């Protein structure tokens, strides 16, 4: 019984320390297979950019289409969150976007076109110069690390 009491004291102290130092990571789950979580301590337009496939212009468009002001995510009502989920379900974002891109690259590799071969070789596929540039695409891991 004494060990359990000490364990609860430790948990209470940890919670106090975390709240004092401000290590608070709260997220709101968008759910519905839409994308993932967005941070609740940011404004809606900037929080939406944490979802893969949503940039600045698409986030601004979504906020305007929702008809809500750009307020903090934690201040959104349940009705606004529901309409946000419905609106985000129209877009190809998150894991669905990643799977689509992976499938497209796999198709290019499968038909062995120029772009597919460049993807396999790890080289740029859009005509960029590789003699002096493309260091990030050309670096390959060796046994001792990267070249």
Protein backbone atom coordinates (compact mmCIF):
# COMPACT_ATOMS: atom_id res chain seq x y z
CA UNK A 1 0.00 0.00 0.00
CA UNK A 2 2.87 2.33 0.79
CA UNK A 3 4.43 1.78 -2.65
CA UNK A 4 1.18 2.67 -4.40
CA UNK A 5 0.93 5.91 -2.43
CA UNK A 6 4.48 6.88 -3.39
CA UNK A 7 3.76 6.10 -7.04
CA UNK A 8 0.74 8.43 -7.05
CA UNK A 9 2.85 11.18 -5.46
CA UNK A 10 5.41 10.77 -8.24
CA UNK A 11 2.68 11.01 -10.88
CA UNK A 12 1.26 14.15 -9.26
CA UNK A 13 4.73 15.73 -9.13
CA UNK A 14 5.37 14.88 -12.76
CA UNK A 15 2.09 16.47 -13.81
CA UNK A 16 2.94 19.61 -11.85
CA UNK A 17 6.41 19.80 -13.38
CA UNK A 18 5.06 19.33 -16.89
CA UNK A 19 2.48 22.04 -16.44
CA UNK A 20 5.03 24.41 -14.89
CA UNK A 21 7.52 23.99 -17.70
CA UNK A 22 4.84 24.27 -20.36
CA UNK A 23 5.41 20.92 -22.01
CA UNK A 24 1.85 20.62 -23.20
CA UNK A 25 1.19 18.99 -26.53
CA UNK A 26 -2.52 18.94 -27.17
CA UNK A 27 -3.87 17.94 -30.56
CA UNK A 28 -7.37 17.67 -31.96
CA UNK A 29 -8.03 14.54 -33.95
CA UNK A 30 -9.72 15.34 -37.22
CA UNK A 31 -10.70 11.69 -37.59
CA UNK A 32 -12.81 10.04 -40.22
CA UNK A 33 -9.78 8.88 -42.18
CA UNK A 34 -9.15 12.48 -43.14
CA UNK A 35 -5.62 13.15 -42.13
CA UNK A 36 -4.65 13.02 -38.53
CA UNK A 37 -4.30 15.57 -35.80
CA UNK A 38 -3.90 19.31 -35.81
CA UNK A 39 -2.43 21.29 -32.91
CA UNK A 40 -5.01 23.13 -30.84
CA UNK A 41 -2.74 25.95 -29.64
CA UNK A 42 -2.51 27.47 -33.15
CA UNK A 43 -4.95 29.33 -35.30
CA UNK A 44 -7.00 27.25 -37.72
CA UNK A 45 -5.29 28.40 -40.91
CA UNK A 46 -1.83 27.51 -39.59
CA UNK A 47 -2.94 24.33 -37.83
CA UNK A 48 -4.41 22.93 -41.05
CA UNK A 49 -0.95 23.12 -42.63
CA UNK A 50 0.18 20.31 -40.31
CA UNK A 51 -1.86 17.88 -42.42
CA UNK A 52 0.08 16.34 -45.31
CA UNK A 53 -1.21 17.85 -48.55
CA UNK A 54 -2.50 21.16 -47.18
CA UNK A 55 -0.36 24.21 -47.79
CA UNK A 56 -0.89 27.91 -47.23
CA UNK A 57 -3.25 28.58 -50.11
CA UNK A 58 -5.42 25.49 -49.55
CA UNK A 59 -5.64 26.23 -45.81
CA UNK A 60 -6.74 29.80 -46.56
CA UNK A 61 -9.30 28.50 -49.04
CA UNK A 62 -10.67 26.00 -46.50
CA UNK A 63 -11.03 28.67 -43.79
CA UNK A 64 -12.83 30.99 -46.23
CA UNK A 65 -15.10 28.19 -47.43
CA UNK A 66 -15.99 27.24 -43.84
CA UNK A 67 -17.10 30.77 -43.17
CA UNK A 68 -15.49 30.91 -39.73
CA UNK A 69 -12.98 33.43 -38.54
CA UNK A 70 -9.38 32.35 -38.15
CA UNK A 71 -9.58 31.56 -34.44
CA UNK A 72 -7.69 29.09 -32.29
CA UNK A 73 -8.52 25.45 -32.89
CA UNK A 74 -9.27 24.88 -29.20
CA UNK A 75 -12.02 27.52 -29.44
CA UNK A 76 -13.89 25.79 -32.27
CA UNK A 77 -17.32 24.46 -31.42
CA UNK A 78 -18.38 20.88 -32.12
CA UNK A 79 -20.50 22.03 -35.04
CA UNK A 80 -17.53 23.85 -36.60
CA UNK A 81 -15.31 20.79 -36.12
CA UNK A 82 -17.95 18.63 -37.79
CA UNK A 83 -18.21 20.97 -40.78
CA UNK A 84 -14.40 21.06 -40.96
CA UNK A 85 -14.29 17.24 -41.11
CA UNK A 86 -16.96 17.23 -43.83
CA UNK A 87 -15.04 19.81 -45.86
CA UNK A 88 -11.70 18.03 -45.48
CA UNK A 89 -13.22 14.76 -46.66
CA UNK A 90 -13.55 16.32 -50.14
CA UNK A 91 -9.78 16.71 -50.51
CA UNK A 92 -7.12 14.11 -51.18
CA UNK A 93 -4.88 14.58 -48.14
CA UNK A 94 -2.94 12.64 -45.53
CA UNK A 95 -2.30 8.95 -45.99
CA UNK A 96 -4.57 8.78 -49.04
CA UNK A 97 -2.36 11.32 -50.81
CA UNK A 98 0.80 9.44 -49.83
CA UNK A 99 -0.63 6.16 -51.16
CA UNK A 100 -1.70 7.83 -54.41
CA UNK A 101 1.76 9.31 -55.01
CA UNK A 102 3.41 5.99 -54.16
CA UNK A 103 1.09 4.19 -56.57
CA UNK A 104 1.85 6.70 -59.34
CA UNK A 105 5.61 6.35 -58.87
CA UNK A 106 5.22 2.57 -58.80
CA UNK A 107 3.39 2.73 -62.12
CA UNK A 108 6.21 4.77 -63.65
CA UNK A 109 8.76 2.27 -62.34
CA UNK A 110 6.68 -0.64 -63.64
CA UNK A 111 6.49 0.62 -67.22
CA UNK A 112 10.20 1.53 -67.07
CA UNK A 113 9.83 4.99 -68.52
CA UNK A 114 12.53 7.63 -68.13
CA UNK A 115 11.01 9.10 -64.97
CA UNK A 116 10.57 5.67 -63.43
CA UNK A 117 14.20 4.77 -64.08
CA UNK A 118 15.32 8.08 -62.54
CA UNK A 119 13.21 7.33 -59.46
CA UNK A 120 14.82 3.90 -59.10
CA UNK A 121 18.31 5.37 -59.52
CA UNK A 122 17.53 8.10 -57.00
CA UNK A 123 18.26 10.92 -59.45
CA UNK A 124 16.19 14.00 -60.31
CA UNK A 125 13.53 13.28 -62.93
CA UNK A 126 12.58 16.73 -64.13
CA UNK A 127 15.62 17.60 -66.18
CA UNK A 128 17.73 19.23 -63.48
CA UNK A 129 21.49 19.43 -63.77
CA UNK A 130 23.34 16.62 -61.98
CA UNK A 131 26.99 17.36 -62.78
CA UNK A 132 27.41 19.82 -59.90
CA UNK A 133 24.01 19.86 -58.18
CA UNK A 134 21.41 17.34 -56.95
CA UNK A 135 23.54 16.44 -53.95
CA UNK A 136 20.59 15.30 -51.85
CA UNK A 137 19.19 13.01 -54.55
CA UNK A 138 22.59 11.60 -55.51
CA UNK A 139 23.94 10.85 -52.04
CA UNK A 140 23.61 7.17 -51.33
CA UNK A 141 24.35 5.44 -48.05
CA UNK A 142 27.52 3.38 -48.11
CA UNK A 143 28.86 0.98 -45.53
CA UNK A 144 30.59 3.79 -43.66
CA UNK A 145 27.79 6.33 -44.00
CA UNK A 146 26.99 8.74 -46.80
CA UNK A 147 29.37 9.74 -49.54
